[in-house]
């Protein structure tokens, strides 16, 4: 399942962008509601904003980093396959 999702997001970067936006939005909403429920109006509004922005920014950065790492891994695999193809073609030409 994870491999299928990885392949899907590599082929459809717009779907990945929508997924990242949805995760950030849900995280922001969840953290905001938890902060309001836990502390009510006892803390200033700007503190809630800083906490929410920090957590959602971290989530977006983590998801983007994982995607970039996967793209780099995919690129290395493709280049290794291309190199192998050239080596095989050269060997066949000699024969």
PDB file of N, CA and C in Angstrom:
ATOM      1  N   UNK A   1       0.829  -1.196   0.000  1.00  0.00           N
ATOM      2  CA  UNK A   1       0.000   0.000   0.000  1.00  0.00           C
ATOM      3  C   UNK A   1       0.872   1.257   0.000  1.00  0.00           C
ATOM      4  N   UNK A   2       1.917   1.264   0.850  1.00  0.00           N
ATOM      5  CA  UNK A   2       2.808   2.406   0.913  1.00  0.00           C
ATOM      6  C   UNK A   2       3.559   2.580  -0.407  1.00  0.00           C
ATOM      7  N   UNK A   3       3.965   1.469  -1.010  1.00  0.00           N
ATOM      8  CA  UNK A   3       4.671   1.537  -2.293  1.00  0.00           C
ATOM      9  C   UNK A   3       3.743   2.081  -3.383  1.00  0.00           C
ATOM     10  N   UNK A   4       2.486   1.679  -3.369  1.00  0.00           N
ATOM     11  CA  UNK A   4       1.514   2.175  -4.343  1.00  0.00           C
ATOM     12  C   UNK A   4       1.308   3.682  -4.184  1.00  0.00           C
ATOM     13  N   UNK A   5       1.196   4.156  -2.937  1.00  0.00           N
ATOM     14  CA  UNK A   5       1.052   5.588  -2.692  1.00  0.00           C
ATOM     15  C   UNK A   5       2.300   6.340  -3.146  1.00  0.00           C
ATOM     16  N   UNK A   6       3.471   5.766  -2.905  1.00  0.00           N
ATOM     17  CA  UNK A   6       4.723   6.394  -3.317  1.00  0.00           C
ATOM     18  C   UNK A   6       4.775   6.552  -4.830  1.00  0.00           C
ATOM     19  N   UNK A   7       4.413   5.523  -5.555  1.00  0.00           N
ATOM     20  CA  UNK A   7       4.409   5.572  -7.016  1.00  0.00           C
ATOM     21  C   UNK A   7       3.377   6.587  -7.509  1.00  0.00           C
ATOM     22  N   UNK A   8       2.194   6.600  -6.895  1.00  0.00           N
ATOM     23  CA  UNK A   8       1.139   7.529  -7.296  1.00  0.00           C
ATOM     24  C   UNK A   8       1.595   8.976  -7.136  1.00  0.00           C
ATOM     25  N   UNK A   9       2.185   9.306  -5.983  1.00  0.00           N
ATOM     26  CA  UNK A   9       2.602  10.685  -5.736  1.00  0.00           C
ATOM     27  C   UNK A   9       3.783  11.086  -6.606  1.00  0.00           C
ATOM     28  N   UNK A  10       4.649  10.130  -6.977  1.00  0.00           N
ATOM     29  CA  UNK A  10       5.752  10.453  -7.875  1.00  0.00           C
ATOM     30  C   UNK A  10       5.236  10.805  -9.266  1.00  0.00           C
ATOM     31  N   UNK A  11       4.166  10.161  -9.684  1.00  0.00           N
ATOM     32  CA  UNK A  11       3.624  10.399 -11.016  1.00  0.00           C
ATOM     33  C   UNK A  11       2.645  11.570 -11.051  1.00  0.00           C
ATOM     34  N   UNK A  12       2.089  11.952  -9.912  1.00  0.00           N
ATOM     35  CA  UNK A  12       1.080  13.010  -9.859  1.00  0.00           C
ATOM     36  C   UNK A  12       1.448  14.042  -8.784  1.00  0.00           C
ATOM     37  N   UNK A  13       2.336  14.987  -9.099  1.00  0.00           N
ATOM     38  CA  UNK A  13       2.751  15.952  -8.088  1.00  0.00           C
ATOM     39  C   UNK A  13       1.621  16.870  -7.621  1.00  0.00           C
ATOM     40  N   UNK A  14       0.611  17.092  -8.451  1.00  0.00           N
ATOM     41  CA  UNK A  14      -0.521  17.926  -8.029  1.00  0.00           C
ATOM     42  C   UNK A  14      -1.293  17.212  -6.915  1.00  0.00           C
ATOM     43  N   UNK A  15      -1.459  15.909  -7.046  1.00  0.00           N
ATOM     44  CA  UNK A  15      -2.128  15.136  -5.995  1.00  0.00           C
ATOM     45  C   UNK A  15      -1.324  15.213  -4.699  1.00  0.00           C
ATOM     46  N   UNK A  16      -0.011  15.199  -4.820  1.00  0.00           N
ATOM     47  CA  UNK A  16       0.829  15.324  -3.628  1.00  0.00           C
ATOM     48  C   UNK A  16       0.652  16.689  -2.977  1.00  0.00           C
ATOM     49  N   UNK A  17       0.572  17.739  -3.793  1.00  0.00           N
ATOM     50  CA  UNK A  17       0.368  19.090  -3.257  1.00  0.00           C
ATOM     51  C   UNK A  17      -0.978  19.191  -2.534  1.00  0.00           C
ATOM     52  N   UNK A  18      -2.012  18.604  -3.103  1.00  0.00           N
ATOM     53  CA  UNK A  18      -3.336  18.613  -2.465  1.00  0.00           C
ATOM     54  C   UNK A  18      -3.285  17.822  -1.152  1.00  0.00           C
ATOM     55  N   UNK A  19      -2.605  16.680  -1.169  1.00  0.00           N
ATOM     56  CA  UNK A  19      -2.460  15.865   0.035  1.00  0.00           C
ATOM     57  C   UNK A  19      -1.739  16.647   1.127  1.00  0.00           C
ATOM     58  N   UNK A  20      -0.644  17.314   0.775  1.00  0.00           N
ATOM     59  CA  UNK A  20       0.111  18.102   1.748  1.00  0.00           C
ATOM     60  C   UNK A  20      -0.761  19.221   2.320  1.00  0.00           C
ATOM     61  N   UNK A  21      -1.500  19.898   1.455  1.00  0.00           N
ATOM     62  CA  UNK A  21      -2.390  20.954   1.931  1.00  0.00           C
ATOM     63  C   UNK A  21      -3.447  20.428   2.881  1.00  0.00           C
ATOM     64  N   UNK A  22      -4.000  19.274   2.556  1.00  0.00           N
ATOM     65  CA  UNK A  22      -5.031  18.689   3.430  1.00  0.00           C
ATOM     66  C   UNK A  22      -4.447  18.305   4.784  1.00  0.00           C
ATOM     67  N   UNK A  23      -3.248  17.726   4.794  1.00  0.00           N
ATOM     68  CA  UNK A  23      -2.616  17.344   6.061  1.00  0.00           C
ATOM     69  C   UNK A  23      -2.333  18.578   6.908  1.00  0.00           C
ATOM     70  N   UNK A  24      -1.824  19.624   6.279  1.00  0.00           N
ATOM     71  CA  UNK A  24      -1.529  20.853   7.014  1.00  0.00           C
ATOM     72  C   UNK A  24      -2.814  21.473   7.556  1.00  0.00           C
ATOM     73  N   UNK A  25      -3.853  21.473   6.750  1.00  0.00           N
ATOM     74  CA  UNK A  25      -5.125  22.049   7.187  1.00  0.00           C
ATOM     75  C   UNK A  25      -5.733  21.274   8.355  1.00  0.00           C
ATOM     76  N   UNK A  26      -5.743  19.963   8.251  1.00  0.00           N
ATOM     77  CA  UNK A  26      -6.311  19.139   9.325  1.00  0.00           C
ATOM     78  C   UNK A  26      -5.471  19.268  10.594  1.00  0.00           C
ATOM     79  N   UNK A  27      -4.159  19.296  10.436  1.00  0.00           N
ATOM     80  CA  UNK A  27      -3.280  19.459  11.596  1.00  0.00           C
ATOM     81  C   UNK A  27      -3.512  20.807  12.261  1.00  0.00           C
ATOM     82  N   UNK A  28      -3.612  21.843  11.461  1.00  0.00           N
ATOM     83  CA  UNK A  28      -3.845  23.180  11.999  1.00  0.00           C
ATOM     84  C   UNK A  28      -5.164  23.244  12.766  1.00  0.00           C
ATOM     85  N   UNK A  29      -6.195  22.699  12.178  1.00  0.00           N
ATOM     86  CA  UNK A  29      -7.498  22.698  12.831  1.00  0.00           C
ATOM     87  C   UNK A  29      -7.466  21.886  14.118  1.00  0.00           C
ATOM     88  N   UNK A  30      -6.868  20.706  14.057  1.00  0.00           N
ATOM     89  CA  UNK A  30      -6.798  19.847  15.247  1.00  0.00           C
ATOM     90  C   UNK A  30      -6.014  20.470  16.372  1.00  0.00           C
ATOM     91  N   UNK A  31      -4.853  21.036  16.058  1.00  0.00           N
ATOM     92  CA  UNK A  31      -4.035  21.671  17.094  1.00  0.00           C
ATOM     93  C   UNK A  31      -4.761  22.876  17.673  1.00  0.00           C
ATOM     94  N   UNK A  32      -5.399  23.656  16.822  1.00  0.00           N
ATOM     95  CA  UNK A  32      -6.142  24.817  17.314  1.00  0.00           C
ATOM     96  C   UNK A  32      -7.256  24.420  18.266  1.00  0.00           C
ATOM     97  N   UNK A  33      -8.008  23.409  17.883  1.00  0.00           N
ATOM     98  CA  UNK A  33      -9.098  22.956  18.753  1.00  0.00           C
ATOM     99  C   UNK A  33      -8.585  22.375  20.063  1.00  0.00           C
ATOM    100  N   UNK A  34      -7.471  21.633  19.992  1.00  0.00           N
ATOM    101  CA  UNK A  34      -6.897  21.082  21.224  1.00  0.00           C
ATOM    102  C   UNK A  34      -6.388  22.176  22.151  1.00  0.00           C
ATOM    103  N   UNK A  35      -5.751  23.190  21.587  1.00  0.00           N
ATOM    104  CA  UNK A  35      -5.273  24.294  22.418  1.00  0.00           C
ATOM    105  C   UNK A  35      -6.425  25.055  23.061  1.00  0.00           C
ATOM    106  N   UNK A  36      -7.460  25.297  22.297  1.00  0.00           N
ATOM    107  CA  UNK A  36      -8.616  26.019  22.853  1.00  0.00           C
ATOM    108  C   UNK A  36      -9.289  25.192  23.944  1.00  0.00           C
ATOM    109  N   UNK A  37      -9.400  23.883  23.713  1.00  0.00           N
ATOM    110  CA  UNK A  37     -10.034  23.024  24.711  1.00  0.00           C
ATOM    111  C   UNK A  37      -9.165  22.907  25.958  1.00  0.00           C
ATOM    112  N   UNK A  38      -7.858  22.791  25.787  1.00  0.00           N
ATOM    113  CA  UNK A  38      -6.966  22.602  26.932  1.00  0.00           C
ATOM    114  C   UNK A  38      -6.779  23.871  27.746  1.00  0.00           C
ATOM    115  N   UNK A  39      -6.661  25.020  27.081  1.00  0.00           N
ATOM    116  CA  UNK A  39      -6.338  26.240  27.801  1.00  0.00           C
ATOM    117  C   UNK A  39      -7.396  27.323  27.698  1.00  0.00           C
ATOM    118  N   UNK A  40      -8.393  27.091  26.871  1.00  0.00           N
ATOM    119  CA  UNK A  40      -9.459  28.077  26.751  1.00  0.00           C
ATOM    120  C   UNK A  40      -8.924  29.428  26.328  1.00  0.00           C
ATOM    121  N   UNK A  41      -9.425  30.456  26.937  1.00  0.00           N
ATOM    122  CA  UNK A  41      -8.974  31.802  26.593  1.00  0.00           C
ATOM    123  C   UNK A  41      -7.959  32.303  27.609  1.00  0.00           C
ATOM    124  N   UNK A  42      -7.360  31.389  28.358  1.00  0.00           N
ATOM    125  CA  UNK A  42      -6.383  31.769  29.373  1.00  0.00           C
ATOM    126  C   UNK A  42      -5.068  32.243  28.782  1.00  0.00           C
ATOM    127  N   UNK A  43      -4.740  31.808  27.598  1.00  0.00           N
ATOM    128  CA  UNK A  43      -3.503  32.231  26.941  1.00  0.00           C
ATOM    129  C   UNK A  43      -3.838  33.252  25.864  1.00  0.00           C
ATOM    130  N   UNK A  44      -2.899  34.122  25.552  1.00  0.00           N
ATOM    131  CA  UNK A  44      -3.176  35.134  24.521  1.00  0.00           C
ATOM    132  C   UNK A  44      -3.321  34.500  23.136  1.00  0.00           C
ATOM    133  N   UNK A  45      -4.051  35.176  22.265  1.00  0.00           N
ATOM    134  CA  UNK A  45      -4.343  34.642  20.932  1.00  0.00           C
ATOM    135  C   UNK A  45      -3.077  34.443  20.125  1.00  0.00           C
ATOM    136  N   UNK A  46      -2.072  35.310  20.290  1.00  0.00           N
ATOM    137  CA  UNK A  46      -0.859  35.205  19.487  1.00  0.00           C
ATOM    138  C   UNK A  46      -0.061  33.961  19.848  1.00  0.00           C
ATOM    139  N   UNK A  47      -0.157  33.506  21.109  1.00  0.00           N
ATOM    140  CA  UNK A  47       0.550  32.281  21.492  1.00  0.00           C
ATOM    141  C   UNK A  47      -0.048  31.074  20.777  1.00  0.00           C
ATOM    142  N   UNK A  48      -1.372  31.023  20.714  1.00  0.00           N
ATOM    143  CA  UNK A  48      -2.037  29.942  19.982  1.00  0.00           C
ATOM    144  C   UNK A  48      -1.605  29.957  18.515  1.00  0.00           C
ATOM    145  N   UNK A  49      -1.548  31.143  17.937  1.00  0.00           N
ATOM    146  CA  UNK A  49      -1.136  31.262  16.542  1.00  0.00           C
ATOM    147  C   UNK A  49       0.279  30.778  16.301  1.00  0.00           C
ATOM    148  N   UNK A  50       1.194  31.104  17.207  1.00  0.00           N
ATOM    149  CA  UNK A  50       2.582  30.662  17.067  1.00  0.00           C
ATOM    150  C   UNK A  50       2.684  29.146  17.162  1.00  0.00           C
ATOM    151  N   UNK A  51       1.993  28.555  18.115  1.00  0.00           N
ATOM    152  CA  UNK A  51       2.033  27.101  18.279  1.00  0.00           C
ATOM    153  C   UNK A  51       1.452  26.408  17.047  1.00  0.00           C
ATOM    154  N   UNK A  52       0.312  26.875  16.587  1.00  0.00           N
ATOM    155  CA  UNK A  52      -0.332  26.270  15.414  1.00  0.00           C
ATOM    156  C   UNK A  52       0.560  26.410  14.189  1.00  0.00           C
ATOM    157  N   UNK A  53       1.105  27.583  13.970  1.00  0.00           N
ATOM    158  CA  UNK A  53       1.965  27.804  12.803  1.00  0.00           C
ATOM    159  C   UNK A  53       3.225  26.951  12.878  1.00  0.00           C
ATOM    160  N   UNK A  54       3.793  26.805  14.053  1.00  0.00           N
ATOM    161  CA  UNK A  54       5.009  25.993  14.207  1.00  0.00           C
ATOM    162  C   UNK A  54       4.743  24.530  13.904  1.00  0.00           C
ATOM    163  N   UNK A  55       3.660  24.008  14.435  1.00  0.00           N
ATOM    164  CA  UNK A  55       3.363  22.587  14.226  1.00  0.00           C
ATOM    165  C   UNK A  55       2.986  22.313  12.775  1.00  0.00           C
ATOM    166  N   UNK A  56       2.147  23.135  12.195  1.00  0.00           N
ATOM    167  CA  UNK A  56       1.744  22.888  10.807  1.00  0.00           C
ATOM    168  C   UNK A  56       2.900  23.135   9.839  1.00  0.00           C
ATOM    169  N   UNK A  57       3.736  24.116  10.117  1.00  0.00           N
ATOM    170  CA  UNK A  57       4.917  24.337   9.283  1.00  0.00           C
ATOM    171  C   UNK A  57       5.866  23.159   9.343  1.00  0.00           C
ATOM    172  N   UNK A  58       6.023  22.600  10.531  1.00  0.00           N
ATOM    173  CA  UNK A  58       6.876  21.416  10.682  1.00  0.00           C
ATOM    174  C   UNK A  58       6.305  20.222   9.918  1.00  0.00           C
ATOM    175  N   UNK A  59       4.987  20.056   9.972  1.00  0.00           N
ATOM    176  CA  UNK A  59       4.353  18.958   9.223  1.00  0.00           C
ATOM    177  C   UNK A  59       4.570  19.126   7.720  1.00  0.00           C
ATOM    178  N   UNK A  60       4.377  20.334   7.215  1.00  0.00           N
ATOM    179  CA  UNK A  60       4.569  20.581   5.788  1.00  0.00           C
ATOM    180  C   UNK A  60       6.019  20.357   5.390  1.00  0.00           C
ATOM    181  N   UNK A  61       6.951  20.805   6.218  1.00  0.00           N
ATOM    182  CA  UNK A  61       8.369  20.608   5.925  1.00  0.00           C
ATOM    183  C   UNK A  61       8.728  19.126   5.925  1.00  0.00           C
ATOM    184  N   UNK A  62       8.204  18.374   6.873  1.00  0.00           N
ATOM    185  CA  UNK A  62       8.481  16.943   6.938  1.00  0.00           C
ATOM    186  C   UNK A  62       7.939  16.216   5.714  1.00  0.00           C
ATOM    187  N   UNK A  63       6.714  16.515   5.335  1.00  0.00           N
ATOM    188  CA  UNK A  63       6.116  15.854   4.171  1.00  0.00           C
ATOM    189  C   UNK A  63       6.884  16.211   2.898  1.00  0.00           C
ATOM    190  N   UNK A  64       7.250  17.481   2.761  1.00  0.00           N
ATOM    191  CA  UNK A  64       7.999  17.909   1.578  1.00  0.00           C
ATOM    192  C   UNK A  64       9.381  17.265   1.548  1.00  0.00           C
ATOM    193  N   UNK A  65      10.034  17.168   2.696  1.00  0.00           N
ATOM    194  CA  UNK A  65      11.350  16.520   2.761  1.00  0.00           C
ATOM    195  C   UNK A  65      11.254  15.049   2.367  1.00  0.00           C
ATOM    196  N   UNK A  66      10.242  14.361   2.873  1.00  0.00           N
ATOM    197  CA  UNK A  66      10.065  12.952   2.509  1.00  0.00           C
ATOM    198  C   UNK A  66       9.826  12.796   1.008  1.00  0.00           C
ATOM    199  N   UNK A  67       9.047  13.694   0.431  1.00  0.00           N
ATOM    200  CA  UNK A  67       8.778  13.645  -1.006  1.00  0.00           C
ATOM    201  C   UNK A  67      10.055  13.913  -1.811  1.00  0.00           C
ATOM    202  N   UNK A  68      10.814  14.918  -1.410  1.00  0.00           N
ATOM    203  CA  UNK A  68      12.052  15.243  -2.118  1.00  0.00           C
ATOM    204  C   UNK A  68      13.052  14.089  -2.019  1.00  0.00           C
ATOM    205  N   UNK A  69      13.128  13.450  -0.866  1.00  0.00           N
ATOM    206  CA  UNK A  69      14.013  12.295  -0.691  1.00  0.00           C
ATOM    207  C   UNK A  69      13.599  11.154  -1.605  1.00  0.00           C
ATOM    208  N   UNK A  70      12.307  10.928  -1.716  1.00  0.00           N
ATOM    209  CA  UNK A  70      11.807   9.864  -2.581  1.00  0.00           C
ATOM    210  C   UNK A  70      12.066  10.187  -4.052  1.00  0.00           C
ATOM    211  N   UNK A  71      11.899  11.457  -4.430  1.00  0.00           N
ATOM    212  CA  UNK A  71      12.194  11.867  -5.806  1.00  0.00           C
ATOM    213  C   UNK A  71      13.665  11.643  -6.130  1.00  0.00           C
ATOM    214  N   UNK A  72      14.543  11.974  -5.203  1.00  0.00           N
ATOM    215  CA  UNK A  72      15.978  11.784  -5.417  1.00  0.00           C
ATOM    216  C   UNK A  72      16.302  10.300  -5.552  1.00  0.00           C
ATOM    217  N   UNK A  73      15.693   9.472  -4.720  1.00  0.00           N
ATOM    218  CA  UNK A  73      15.916   8.024  -4.791  1.00  0.00           C
ATOM    219  C   UNK A  73      15.435   7.480  -6.137  1.00  0.00           C
ATOM    220  N   UNK A  74      14.298   7.960  -6.592  1.00  0.00           N
ATOM    221  CA  UNK A  74      13.758   7.522  -7.876  1.00  0.00           C
ATOM    222  C   UNK A  74      14.691   7.951  -9.021  1.00  0.00           C
ATOM    223  N   UNK A  75      15.206   9.167  -8.945  1.00  0.00           N
ATOM    224  CA  UNK A  75      16.114   9.669  -9.976  1.00  0.00           C
ATOM    225  C   UNK A  75      17.387   8.820 -10.041  1.00  0.00           C
ATOM    226  N   UNK A  76      17.922   8.452  -8.891  1.00  0.00           N
ATOM    227  CA  UNK A  76      19.128   7.607  -8.855  1.00  0.00           C
ATOM    228  C   UNK A  76      18.841   6.249  -9.482  1.00  0.00           C
ATOM    229  N   UNK A  77      17.675   5.675  -9.199  1.00  0.00           N
ATOM    230  CA  UNK A  77      17.313   4.381  -9.779  1.00  0.00           C
ATOM    231  C   UNK A  77      17.175   4.474 -11.292  1.00  0.00           C
ATOM    232  N   UNK A  78      16.579   5.557 -11.782  1.00  0.00           N
ATOM    233  CA  UNK A  78      16.411   5.731 -13.224  1.00  0.00           C
ATOM    234  C   UNK A  78      17.766   5.881 -13.896  1.00  0.00           C
ATOM    235  N   UNK A  79      18.652   6.671 -13.306  1.00  0.00           N
ATOM    236  CA  UNK A  79      19.990   6.843 -13.885  1.00  0.00           C
ATOM    237  C   UNK A  79      20.778   5.549 -13.881  1.00  0.00           C
ATOM    238  N   UNK A  80      20.648   4.757 -12.825  1.00  0.00           N
ATOM    239  CA  UNK A  80      21.339   3.471 -12.779  1.00  0.00           C
ATOM    240  C   UNK A  80      20.808   2.556 -13.881  1.00  0.00           C
ATOM    241  N   UNK A  81      19.511   2.588 -14.129  1.00  0.00           N
ATOM    242  CA  UNK A  81      18.918   1.783 -15.202  1.00  0.00           C
ATOM    243  C   UNK A  81      19.383   2.245 -16.564  1.00  0.00           C
ATOM    244  N   UNK A  82      19.508   3.566 -16.758  1.00  0.00           N
ATOM    245  CA  UNK A  82      19.994   4.091 -18.032  1.00  0.00           C
ATOM    246  C   UNK A  82      21.446   3.695 -18.262  1.00  0.00           C
ATOM    247  N   UNK A  83      22.257   3.756 -17.234  1.00  0.00           N
ATOM    248  CA  UNK A  83      23.659   3.382 -17.348  1.00  0.00           C
ATOM    249  C   UNK A  83      23.783   1.905 -17.721  1.00  0.00           C
ATOM    250  N   UNK A  84      22.941   1.096 -17.090  1.00  0.00           N
ATOM    251  CA  UNK A  84      22.967  -0.341 -17.379  1.00  0.00           C
ATOM    252  C   UNK A  84      22.552  -0.582 -18.825  1.00  0.00           C
ATOM    253  N   UNK A  85      21.577   0.152 -19.315  1.00  0.00           N
ATOM    254  CA  UNK A  85      21.119  -0.017 -20.689  1.00  0.00           C
ATOM    255  C   UNK A  85      22.224   0.319 -21.674  1.00  0.00           C
ATOM    256  N   UNK A  86      22.974   1.399 -21.404  1.00  0.00           N
ATOM    257  CA  UNK A  86      24.066   1.782 -22.297  1.00  0.00           C
ATOM    258  C   UNK A  86      25.170   0.731 -22.285  1.00  0.00           C
ATOM    259  N   UNK A  87      25.450   0.177 -21.118  1.00  0.00           N
ATOM    260  CA  UNK A  87      26.489  -0.846 -21.027  1.00  0.00           C
ATOM    261  C   UNK A  87      26.085  -2.102 -21.795  1.00  0.00           C
ATOM    262  N   UNK A  88      24.822  -2.469 -21.703  1.00  0.00           N
ATOM    263  CA  UNK A  88      24.325  -3.646 -22.421  1.00  0.00           C
ATOM    264  C   UNK A  88      24.359  -3.396 -23.931  1.00  0.00           C
ATOM    265  N   UNK A  89      23.935  -2.223 -24.373  1.00  0.00           N
ATOM    266  CA  UNK A  89      23.949  -1.888 -25.794  1.00  0.00           C
ATOM    267  C   UNK A  89      25.370  -1.888 -26.354  1.00  0.00           C
ATOM    268  N   UNK A  90      26.312  -1.325 -25.607  1.00  0.00           N
ATOM    269  CA  UNK A  90      27.699  -1.305 -26.050  1.00  0.00           C
ATOM    270  C   UNK A  90      28.261  -2.720 -26.165  1.00  0.00           C
ATOM    271  N   UNK A  91      27.922  -3.558 -25.199  1.00  0.00           N
ATOM    272  CA  UNK A  91      28.399  -4.943 -25.242  1.00  0.00           C
ATOM    273  C   UNK A  91      27.778  -5.689 -26.433  1.00  0.00           C
ATOM    274  N   UNK A  92      26.528  -5.423 -26.735  1.00  0.00           N
ATOM    275  CA  UNK A  92      25.878  -6.069 -27.863  1.00  0.00           C
ATOM    276  C   UNK A  92      26.450  -5.603 -29.193  1.00  0.00           C
ATOM    277  N   UNK A  93      26.833  -4.320 -29.268  1.00  0.00           N
ATOM    278  CA  UNK A  93      27.431  -3.809 -30.487  1.00  0.00           C
ATOM    279  C   UNK A  93      28.770  -4.479 -30.771  1.00  0.00           C
ATOM    280  N   UNK A  94      29.518  -4.742 -29.722  1.00  0.00           N
ATOM    281  CA  UNK A  94      30.807  -5.407 -29.891  1.00  0.00           C
ATOM    282  C   UNK A  94      30.602  -6.815 -30.428  1.00  0.00           C
ATOM    283  N   UNK A  95      29.574  -7.499 -29.925  1.00  0.00           N
ATOM    284  CA  UNK A  95      29.320  -8.869 -30.387  1.00  0.00           C
ATOM    285  C   UNK A  95      28.832  -8.844 -31.816  1.00  0.00           C
TER     286      UNK A  95
END
